[in-house]
Protein backbone atom coordinates (compact mmCIF):
# COMPACT_ATOMS: atom_id res chain seq x y z
CA MET A 1 12.91 7.72 14.04
CA THR A 2 12.77 10.51 11.51
CA ASP A 3 9.91 12.89 10.93
CA SER A 4 9.76 12.42 7.13
CA HIS A 5 9.71 9.36 4.90
CA SER A 6 9.81 8.60 1.21
CA TYR A 7 9.87 5.27 -0.57
CA SER A 8 9.30 4.44 -4.24
CA PHE A 9 8.08 1.30 -5.96
CA PHE A 10 8.97 1.50 -9.68
CA SER A 11 7.95 -0.77 -12.53
CA GLU A 12 8.94 -0.27 -16.18
CA SER A 13 6.29 2.36 -16.89
CA ASN A 14 4.62 3.36 -13.59
CA ALA A 15 5.64 4.21 -10.06
CA VAL A 16 3.94 4.47 -6.67
CA ILE A 17 5.71 6.73 -4.18
CA LEU A 18 4.84 6.93 -0.47
CA VAL A 19 5.79 10.25 1.13
CA THR A 20 5.14 11.84 4.52
CA ARG A 21 6.75 15.13 5.50
CA ASP A 22 6.27 15.07 9.26
CA TYR A 23 4.52 13.26 12.10
CA ASN A 24 1.26 15.17 11.63
CA ASP A 25 1.20 15.01 7.83
CA GLU A 26 -1.00 12.54 5.96
CA VAL A 27 0.70 9.82 3.95
CA HIS A 28 0.90 10.98 0.36
CA LEU A 29 0.47 8.29 -2.27
CA ASN A 30 1.83 9.61 -5.56
CA PHE A 31 1.45 7.89 -8.91
CA ILE A 32 3.64 8.83 -11.87
CA ARG A 33 4.26 7.21 -15.23
CA LYS A 34 6.93 7.19 -17.87
CA LYS A 35 6.12 9.51 -20.78
CA ALA A 36 6.51 8.60 -24.46
CA ASP A 37 9.85 10.47 -24.55
CA GLY A 38 11.23 8.18 -21.80
CA ASN A 39 11.19 10.80 -19.01
CA TRP A 40 9.11 10.35 -15.87
CA GLU A 41 6.21 12.65 -15.03
CA LYS A 42 6.79 15.19 -12.28
CA PHE A 43 4.71 14.75 -9.12
CA ASP A 44 2.33 17.56 -10.11
CA GLU A 45 1.63 15.83 -13.45
CA GLY A 46 0.72 12.51 -11.83
CA LEU A 47 -2.03 11.45 -9.48
CA HIS A 48 -1.82 12.39 -5.82
CA LEU A 49 -3.82 11.00 -2.89
CA GLU A 50 -3.53 11.77 0.82
CA LEU A 51 -4.17 8.81 3.09
CA LYS A 52 -5.37 9.40 6.62
CA VAL A 53 -4.45 7.10 9.51
CA ASN A 54 -7.75 5.19 9.30
CA GLU A 55 -7.11 4.51 5.61
CA ILE A 56 -3.64 3.16 6.40
CA CYS A 57 -5.34 0.84 8.92
CA LYS A 58 -7.88 -0.16 6.27
CA ILE A 59 -5.10 -1.08 3.81
CA LEU A 60 -3.25 -3.09 6.46
CA ASP A 61 -6.46 -4.94 7.38
CA PHE A 62 -7.02 -5.65 3.68
CA LEU A 63 -3.50 -7.06 3.27
CA ASP A 64 -4.18 -9.48 6.16
CA SER A 65 -7.63 -10.52 4.92
CA LYS A 66 -8.82 -12.99 2.29
CA THR A 67 -10.64 -10.15 0.50
CA LYS A 68 -9.32 -9.64 -3.04
CA LEU A 69 -10.23 -5.96 -3.64
CA LEU A 70 -10.15 -2.72 -1.65
CA THR A 71 -11.29 0.65 -3.01
CA ILE A 72 -10.66 3.98 -1.29
CA THR A 73 -12.37 7.05 -2.77
CA HIS A 74 -11.39 10.67 -2.16
CA LYS A 75 -13.27 13.88 -2.88
CA HIS A 76 -11.72 17.06 -1.59
CA PRO A 77 -14.40 19.41 -0.19
CA LYS A 78 -13.10 22.33 -2.30
CA SER A 79 -12.89 20.37 -5.57
CA THR A 80 -15.12 18.44 -7.94
CA THR A 81 -12.32 15.94 -8.64
CA ILE A 82 -12.99 12.44 -7.34
CA LYS A 83 -9.94 10.19 -7.01
CA GLU A 84 -9.79 6.52 -6.26
CA VAL A 85 -7.14 4.00 -5.32
CA GLN A 86 -7.80 0.28 -5.72
CA LEU A 87 -5.71 -2.48 -4.27
CA SER A 88 -6.24 -5.99 -5.55
CA LYS A 89 -4.55 -9.24 -4.58
CA SER A 90 -3.85 -12.22 -6.78
CA LYS A 91 -1.49 -15.15 -7.06
CA LYS A 92 0.45 -16.39 -10.09
CA LYS A 93 2.28 -19.67 -9.58
CA ASP A 94 4.42 -19.02 -6.46
CA ASP A 95 4.15 -15.21 -6.65
CA GLN A 96 1.85 -13.05 -4.56
CA ILE A 97 0.79 -9.95 -6.51
CA LEU A 98 -0.62 -6.70 -5.13
CA ASN A 99 -1.87 -4.36 -7.82
CA ILE A 100 -2.20 -0.72 -6.79
CA THR A 101 -4.21 1.39 -9.24
CA GLY A 102 -4.97 5.09 -8.92
CA LYS A 103 -7.37 7.00 -11.14
CA ILE A 104 -9.49 10.11 -11.38
CA ILE A 105 -13.00 8.72 -11.63
CA SER A 106 -14.66 12.12 -12.20
CA SER A 107 -12.68 12.41 -15.45
CA PRO A 108 -13.50 9.40 -17.67
CA GLU A 109 -10.81 10.28 -20.23
CA SER A 110 -8.02 10.10 -17.64
CA GLN A 111 -5.84 7.00 -17.82
CA PRO A 112 -5.34 4.98 -14.63
CA TYR A 113 -1.94 4.55 -12.99
CA SER A 114 -1.20 0.94 -12.15
CA ASN A 115 1.70 -0.83 -10.50
CA ASP A 116 2.15 -4.47 -9.44
CA LEU A 117 4.07 -5.25 -6.28
CA MET A 118 5.27 -8.80 -5.82
CA ASN A 119 6.41 -10.91 -2.87
CA GLU A 120 9.15 -8.95 -1.04
CA ASP A 121 7.84 -5.59 -2.33
CA ILE A 122 4.44 -6.41 -0.78
CA ARG A 123 6.17 -7.24 2.50
CA LEU A 124 8.13 -3.98 2.34
CA PHE A 125 4.98 -1.97 1.47
CA ARG A 126 3.24 -3.54 4.48
CA LYS A 127 6.20 -2.84 6.83
CA ILE A 128 6.36 0.79 5.70
CA LEU A 129 2.61 1.23 6.29
CA GLU A 130 2.87 -0.48 9.69
CA HIS A 131 5.71 1.87 10.67
CA LEU A 132 3.74 4.91 9.48
CA GLU A 133 0.61 3.70 11.30
CA VAL A 134 2.47 3.42 14.62
CA GLU A 135 4.20 6.75 14.11
CA LYS A 136 1.02 8.60 13.10
CA ILE A 137 -1.02 7.14 15.98
CA ALA A 138 1.71 8.00 18.50
CA ASN A 139 1.65 11.62 17.30
CA LEU A 140 -2.11 12.15 16.94
CA LYS A 141 -3.35 15.47 18.25
CA THR A 142 -6.10 15.25 20.85
CA MET A 143 -9.02 17.65 20.82
């Protein structure tokens, strides 16, 4: 096992990138989009969320459930910015679809970041989260 991970899920105009720098680091969920000039936003231009272990567990439980929508809201104690990630499940013909949307809800003019994962990408997303869940739990600090 390695102490850092990074995996990207790209569509034509948006991307969701999972990153963790070490065993004790949260899982960073980064959203970026393609700009009008064809270049991709840099990480600091996009939307960034830090997922804690319990939120990884919540997402995994959601993926296994019949529930169609999961919303996770973040407000950093030193900021007025409120961020949200929504995961929604649907089915189109034989395809399973997982939509992951991130947005800043405290800024109504901000445009949401949205990316659809399908079939094998959903399975891969789940496997990555399962791996990170096990790794993070195994390296939790006790008080």
